[in-house]
C-alpha cells in the first residue's frame, strides 16, 4: 500500500506570536487521489488556492464550504501540534542556543511527532511519501532527508508497518492536499485564538464560513473526531491533548448572538419594505459586497429554507 503525508505550518516559531502551529494530513494514496479529484471541480470558476488567511470575500463561500464538506466526508485524519513560543525561546536563553538552532531542532522533532500520530494506524506494509510545503529554510536545514532518516529509524525501532521511501517539497499552488492542511489548520487557529472576536469585515466573512460548515449535519462531530491536537508547553514532557469542544462552544455562542442581532435588523427592514432589493437591503444593513452571501444566508434562514440552502445548490463556484 502507498501512503501519503502532507505537512504545513502556521505562525512560524517567532516571539511576536504566542503560539506556532504545525499540521499533518495523511491517508492512503488512492483515497487522497480520489479526494483531490472530488475537490477539483470546485476550482472550475476560481483557480485561486484554498488558504484560510486569504479568504476575505464571501463570493467564494460555496467553494470553501463544498470543499470542507468533501474533506470531512472522507476517511482522513489531521494531526496538529502547538508550540508555546515563549517557553521555547526561554529554553534558548537557558542553554545558550540561538534562535536558528531552536528552529532547526523543532523543525525535525515536531514533524516527526505529527507523522507518528498520522502513521500509527497503518495496518499493512506501506511505502510512505512525505510532502512538505516548499521553503528555502527547509532546504537549508536538509529537512527532507532528515525526516526520511528519522521516520525510518522510528519505524524499525517500533516495528511499525511502513517505510518512508520519499520526502520532498511541493509548491502549495500545485498541491491540493497541502492547501487542505492549510485550510483546516487555519480554521483551528481561528477558533483557538478567538480571532472571530475582532470586529472587521474579513473576520465576519471567515466566521460565517466556519459557522455554516460546523452547523451542518454531522460536520461538528467529524471536525472534532478527525482532528487530533497536542500542545507542547515546555513544562510537561508529554504533550497535552487539546480538545476543540470548549473553543467551538465559545465561537458558537459569539456567532449566534451576532447573527440573532443582525437577523432582527433584517426582519425590521423587511417589515418596512417587503419588496426591497437585495442590493438595497445590503446597503441598509451597512454591509460591504464582501458580506453579500452572509445576508443571503440570513434571508434563506428567515424564509424557512435553511441557512445553507443557496450553498447546496451552487456547484463549482
Protein backbone atom coordinates (compact mmCIF):
# COMPACT_ATOMS: atom_id res chain seq x y z
CA UNK A 1 0.00 0.00 0.00
CA UNK A 2 1.12 3.55 -0.70
CA UNK A 3 0.56 6.18 1.97
CA UNK A 4 0.99 9.96 1.62
CA UNK A 5 1.60 12.57 4.34
CA UNK A 6 1.42 16.36 3.87
CA UNK A 7 2.94 18.92 6.26
CA UNK A 8 2.43 22.66 6.72
CA UNK A 9 2.82 25.28 9.46
CA UNK A 10 1.13 28.46 10.65
CA UNK A 11 2.59 31.26 12.79
CA UNK A 12 6.23 30.23 12.44
CA UNK A 13 8.29 29.91 15.61
CA UNK A 14 8.56 33.60 16.46
CA UNK A 15 8.41 35.71 19.61
CA UNK A 16 5.81 38.03 18.06
CA UNK A 17 3.24 35.21 18.23
CA UNK A 18 2.14 33.37 21.37
CA UNK A 19 1.81 30.03 19.61
CA UNK A 20 3.03 28.36 16.45
CA UNK A 21 1.04 25.60 14.76
CA UNK A 22 2.15 22.59 12.73
CA UNK A 23 -0.22 20.33 10.83
CA UNK A 24 -0.05 16.96 9.09
CA UNK A 25 -2.62 15.28 6.90
CA UNK A 26 -2.27 11.66 5.86
CA UNK A 27 -4.04 8.83 4.12
CA UNK A 28 -3.97 6.03 1.62
CA UNK A 29 -2.57 7.39 -1.66
CA UNK A 30 -5.58 6.15 -3.66
CA UNK A 31 -8.01 7.71 -1.18
CA UNK A 32 -6.18 11.05 -1.29
CA UNK A 33 -6.12 10.91 -5.09
CA UNK A 34 -9.89 10.36 -5.06
CA UNK A 35 -10.30 13.24 -2.61
CA UNK A 36 -8.27 15.54 -4.88
CA UNK A 37 -10.43 14.56 -7.87
CA UNK A 38 -13.58 15.20 -5.84
CA UNK A 39 -12.36 18.66 -4.81
CA UNK A 40 -11.02 19.79 -8.21
CA UNK A 41 -14.42 20.65 -9.75
CA UNK A 42 -14.84 23.42 -7.18
CA UNK A 43 -11.82 25.15 -8.74
CA UNK A 44 -13.57 25.36 -12.13
CA UNK A 45 -14.55 29.03 -11.91
CA UNK A 46 -11.95 30.10 -9.37
CA UNK A 47 -8.38 28.90 -9.69
CA UNK A 48 -7.28 30.67 -6.53
CA UNK A 49 -5.61 28.48 -3.94
CA UNK A 50 -7.53 27.49 -0.84
CA UNK A 51 -5.93 29.34 2.07
CA UNK A 52 -7.96 30.38 5.09
CA UNK A 53 -5.86 33.52 5.61
CA UNK A 54 -6.74 34.59 2.04
CA UNK A 55 -10.47 34.02 2.47
CA UNK A 56 -11.64 37.63 2.71
CA UNK A 57 -14.73 37.83 0.50
CA UNK A 58 -17.76 35.56 0.75
CA UNK A 59 -18.21 35.39 -3.03
CA UNK A 60 -16.15 32.18 -2.68
CA UNK A 61 -18.17 30.79 0.25
CA UNK A 62 -19.72 27.98 -1.81
CA UNK A 63 -16.31 26.78 -2.98
CA UNK A 64 -14.83 26.71 0.51
CA UNK A 65 -17.97 25.22 2.03
CA UNK A 66 -18.22 22.41 -0.53
CA UNK A 67 -14.52 21.60 -0.23
CA UNK A 68 -14.77 21.36 3.56
CA UNK A 69 -17.84 19.15 3.19
CA UNK A 70 -15.95 16.88 0.80
CA UNK A 71 -12.87 16.62 3.05
CA UNK A 72 -14.70 15.56 6.19
CA UNK A 73 -16.90 13.05 4.39
CA UNK A 74 -13.72 11.05 3.70
CA UNK A 75 -11.72 8.71 5.93
CA UNK A 76 -8.98 11.25 6.69
CA UNK A 77 -7.17 12.40 9.80
CA UNK A 78 -5.35 15.59 10.71
CA UNK A 79 -2.80 16.00 13.48
CA UNK A 80 -1.93 19.47 14.76
CA UNK A 81 0.91 20.30 17.13
CA UNK A 82 1.01 23.60 19.03
CA UNK A 83 4.16 25.13 20.49
CA UNK A 84 4.20 27.77 23.23
CA UNK A 85 6.72 30.14 21.65
CA UNK A 86 7.64 31.95 24.87
CA UNK A 87 8.56 28.67 26.57
CA UNK A 88 10.51 27.53 23.52
CA UNK A 89 12.59 30.69 23.40
CA UNK A 90 13.11 30.59 27.18
CA UNK A 91 14.98 27.34 26.63
CA UNK A 92 17.28 29.01 24.12
CA UNK A 93 18.20 31.59 26.74
CA UNK A 94 18.79 28.97 29.43
CA UNK A 95 21.02 26.73 27.31
CA UNK A 96 22.55 29.43 25.10
CA UNK A 97 21.04 28.15 21.86
CA UNK A 98 20.50 30.59 19.05
CA UNK A 99 17.00 31.08 17.69
CA UNK A 100 18.17 29.43 14.48
CA UNK A 101 19.36 26.39 16.46
CA UNK A 102 15.93 26.16 18.06
CA UNK A 103 14.14 26.27 14.72
CA UNK A 104 16.37 23.53 13.33
CA UNK A 105 15.64 21.24 16.27
CA UNK A 106 11.91 21.90 16.28
CA UNK A 107 11.59 21.52 12.52
CA UNK A 108 12.87 17.97 12.91
CA UNK A 109 11.15 16.96 16.13
CA UNK A 110 7.72 18.47 15.50
CA UNK A 111 7.10 16.90 12.06
CA UNK A 112 8.29 13.57 13.48
CA UNK A 113 5.77 13.84 16.30
CA UNK A 114 2.98 14.72 13.89
CA UNK A 115 3.82 11.93 11.47
CA UNK A 116 3.93 9.33 14.24
CA UNK A 117 0.32 10.16 15.01
CA UNK A 118 -0.70 10.01 11.36
CA UNK A 119 1.08 6.68 10.68
CA UNK A 120 0.12 4.96 13.93
CA UNK A 121 -2.93 3.30 12.38
CA UNK A 122 -1.21 1.86 9.31
CA UNK A 123 -2.05 -1.84 9.50
CA UNK A 124 -0.33 -3.30 6.43
CA UNK A 125 3.13 -2.87 4.97
CA UNK A 126 3.18 0.52 3.29
CA UNK A 127 5.50 2.78 1.33
CA UNK A 128 5.21 6.30 2.69
CA UNK A 129 5.84 9.51 0.79
CA UNK A 130 6.10 12.79 2.70
CA UNK A 131 5.35 16.14 1.06
CA UNK A 132 6.22 19.46 2.70
CA UNK A 133 5.28 22.98 1.60
CA UNK A 134 8.24 24.40 -0.31
CA UNK A 135 10.55 26.59 1.78
CA UNK A 136 14.17 27.69 1.39
CA UNK A 137 14.56 27.30 5.16
CA UNK A 138 13.57 23.63 4.99
CA UNK A 139 16.05 23.05 2.20
CA UNK A 140 18.85 24.79 4.12
CA UNK A 141 18.44 22.53 7.15
CA UNK A 142 18.02 19.42 4.96
CA UNK A 143 14.61 18.76 6.48
CA UNK A 144 13.52 16.28 3.81
CA UNK A 145 16.41 13.84 4.14
CA UNK A 146 16.37 14.12 7.94
CA UNK A 147 12.66 13.35 8.07
CA UNK A 148 13.15 10.27 5.95
CA UNK A 149 16.01 9.02 8.14
CA UNK A 150 14.26 9.75 11.44
CA UNK A 151 10.93 8.25 10.39
CA UNK A 152 12.54 5.07 9.10
CA UNK A 153 14.58 4.73 12.30
CA UNK A 154 11.37 5.11 14.30
CA UNK A 155 9.57 2.54 12.13
CA UNK A 156 12.30 -0.05 12.65
CA UNK A 157 12.61 0.63 16.39
CA UNK A 158 8.83 0.42 16.94
CA UNK A 159 8.31 -2.37 14.40
CA UNK A 160 5.86 -0.19 12.51
CA UNK A 161 4.42 -1.36 9.20
CA UNK A 162 5.79 1.32 6.92
CA UNK A 163 8.91 2.57 5.20
CA UNK A 164 9.46 6.15 4.07
CA UNK A 165 10.72 5.97 0.50
CA UNK A 166 10.48 9.64 -0.39
CA UNK A 167 10.38 13.06 1.30
CA UNK A 168 10.31 16.23 -0.75
CA UNK A 169 8.83 19.70 -1.17
CA UNK A 170 5.84 20.77 -3.23
CA UNK A 171 4.52 24.18 -4.19
CA UNK A 172 1.19 24.69 -2.47
CA UNK A 173 -0.37 26.03 -5.68
CA UNK A 174 0.36 22.65 -7.27
CA UNK A 175 -0.85 20.53 -4.34
CA UNK A 176 -4.49 20.47 -3.28
CA UNK A 177 -3.70 18.29 -0.20
CA UNK A 178 -1.24 20.92 1.07
CA UNK A 179 -3.94 23.54 0.63
CA UNK A 180 -6.35 21.37 2.61
CA UNK A 181 -3.88 21.19 5.52
CA UNK A 182 -3.59 24.98 5.43
CA UNK A 183 -7.36 25.44 5.29
CA UNK A 184 -8.16 23.11 8.19
CA UNK A 185 -5.30 24.37 10.34
CA UNK A 186 -6.34 27.96 9.62
CA UNK A 187 -9.82 27.27 10.96
CA UNK A 188 -8.40 25.62 14.09
CA UNK A 189 -6.16 28.64 14.75
CA UNK A 190 -9.12 30.98 14.14
CA UNK A 191 -11.17 29.15 16.78
CA UNK A 192 -8.45 28.68 19.37
CA UNK A 193 -7.13 32.24 19.19
CA UNK A 194 -10.69 33.66 19.16
CA UNK A 195 -9.91 35.78 16.12
CA UNK A 196 -13.65 35.89 15.45
CA UNK A 197 -13.96 38.48 18.24
CA UNK A 198 -12.29 41.09 16.02
CA UNK A 199 -14.92 43.40 14.55
CA UNK A 200 -13.82 43.54 10.92
CA UNK A 201 -15.41 42.59 7.60
CA UNK A 202 -12.80 39.90 6.97
CA UNK A 203 -13.42 38.34 10.39
CA UNK A 204 -17.18 38.31 9.76
CA UNK A 205 -16.60 36.64 6.39
CA UNK A 206 -14.46 33.93 7.99
CA UNK A 207 -16.83 33.46 10.93
CA UNK A 208 -19.77 32.95 8.61
CA UNK A 209 -17.98 30.24 6.63
CA UNK A 210 -16.87 28.38 9.76
CA UNK A 211 -20.33 28.57 11.34
CA UNK A 212 -22.13 27.46 8.18
CA UNK A 213 -19.85 24.45 7.87
CA UNK A 214 -19.81 23.36 11.52
CA UNK A 215 -23.58 23.74 11.95
CA UNK A 216 -24.42 21.45 9.04
CA UNK A 217 -25.41 17.81 9.70
CA UNK A 218 -22.53 15.71 11.13
CA UNK A 219 -19.79 18.23 10.39
CA UNK A 220 -19.30 19.27 14.00
CA UNK A 221 -18.73 15.68 15.10
CA UNK A 222 -16.41 14.93 12.16
CA UNK A 223 -14.39 18.09 12.73
CA UNK A 224 -13.71 17.12 16.34
CA UNK A 225 -13.03 13.41 15.78
CA UNK A 226 -10.87 13.68 12.66
CA UNK A 227 -8.57 16.36 14.07
CA UNK A 228 -6.18 15.50 16.90
CA UNK A 229 -4.41 18.41 18.62
CA UNK A 230 -1.49 18.32 21.03
CA UNK A 231 0.29 21.21 22.75
CA UNK A 232 3.88 21.46 23.95
CA UNK A 233 4.26 23.94 26.79
CA UNK A 234 7.89 23.33 27.73
CA UNK A 235 6.86 22.10 31.18
CA UNK A 236 5.27 18.68 30.75
CA UNK A 237 7.45 16.11 29.00
CA UNK A 238 4.42 14.59 27.29
CA UNK A 239 2.46 16.98 25.05
CA UNK A 240 -1.03 17.69 26.32
CA UNK A 241 -4.03 16.79 24.19
CA UNK A 242 -6.25 19.75 23.37
CA UNK A 243 -9.98 19.28 22.80
CA UNK A 244 -11.75 21.60 20.40
CA UNK A 245 -15.19 21.45 22.04
CA UNK A 246 -14.69 24.37 24.50
CA UNK A 247 -13.34 26.60 21.72
CA UNK A 248 -16.17 25.69 19.37
CA UNK A 249 -18.78 26.31 22.08
CA UNK A 250 -17.44 29.83 22.68
CA UNK A 251 -17.40 30.51 18.96
CA UNK A 252 -20.98 29.28 18.53
CA UNK A 253 -22.19 31.48 21.38
CA UNK A 254 -20.45 34.52 19.90
CA UNK A 255 -21.66 33.86 16.36
CA UNK A 256 -25.25 33.01 17.28
CA UNK A 257 -25.54 36.16 19.39
CA UNK A 258 -24.23 38.24 16.49
CA UNK A 259 -26.49 36.52 13.94
CA UNK A 260 -29.66 36.92 16.02
CA UNK A 261 -28.99 40.62 16.40
CA UNK A 262 -28.40 41.02 12.65
CA UNK A 263 -31.45 38.97 11.65
CA UNK A 264 -33.69 41.11 13.87
CA UNK A 265 -32.45 44.13 11.88
CA UNK A 266 -33.16 42.32 8.61
CA UNK A 267 -36.70 41.48 9.73
CA UNK A 268 -37.38 45.07 10.73
CA UNK A 269 -36.25 46.31 7.31
CA UNK A 270 -38.36 43.69 5.53
CA UNK A 271 -41.44 44.72 7.52
CA UNK A 272 -40.95 48.31 6.40
CA UNK A 273 -40.29 47.37 2.79
CA UNK A 274 -41.17 43.75 1.84
CA UNK A 275 -40.10 44.30 -1.79
CA UNK A 276 -36.69 45.77 -1.02
CA UNK A 277 -33.97 44.65 -3.45
CA UNK A 278 -31.04 42.64 -2.10
CA UNK A 279 -28.56 45.37 -3.03
CA UNK A 280 -30.58 48.00 -1.18
CA UNK A 281 -31.08 45.72 1.82
CA UNK A 282 -27.35 45.13 1.97
CA UNK A 283 -26.70 48.87 1.99
CA UNK A 284 -29.33 49.44 4.67
CA UNK A 285 -27.57 46.81 6.80
CA UNK A 286 -24.26 48.62 6.29
CA UNK A 287 -22.69 45.57 4.66
CA UNK A 288 -19.96 45.72 2.05
CA UNK A 289 -20.36 43.48 -1.00
CA UNK A 290 -17.97 41.03 0.71
CA UNK A 291 -20.85 40.10 3.05
CA UNK A 292 -23.49 39.64 0.35
CA UNK A 293 -23.73 35.86 0.81
CA UNK A 294 -23.95 36.15 4.58
CA UNK A 295 -27.05 38.30 4.05
CA UNK A 296 -28.49 35.75 1.60
CA UNK A 297 -27.95 33.12 4.29
CA UNK A 298 -29.96 35.22 6.75
CA UNK A 299 -32.79 35.63 4.24
CA UNK A 300 -32.89 31.90 3.50
CA UNK A 301 -32.98 31.12 7.21
CA UNK A 302 -35.80 33.60 7.87
CA UNK A 303 -37.81 32.21 4.95
CA UNK A 304 -37.52 28.68 6.31
CA UNK A 305 -35.23 27.34 3.58
CA UNK A 306 -32.27 26.90 5.90
CA UNK A 307 -29.06 28.89 6.34
CA UNK A 308 -27.12 26.92 3.73
CA UNK A 309 -29.86 26.49 1.12
CA UNK A 310 -28.06 28.54 -1.52
CA UNK A 311 -24.77 26.72 -0.94
CA UNK A 312 -26.34 23.31 -1.55
CA UNK A 313 -27.47 24.41 -4.99
CA UNK A 314 -24.22 26.01 -6.07
CA UNK A 315 -21.67 23.75 -7.72
CA UNK A 316 -18.20 24.60 -8.92
CA UNK A 317 -18.45 28.18 -7.67
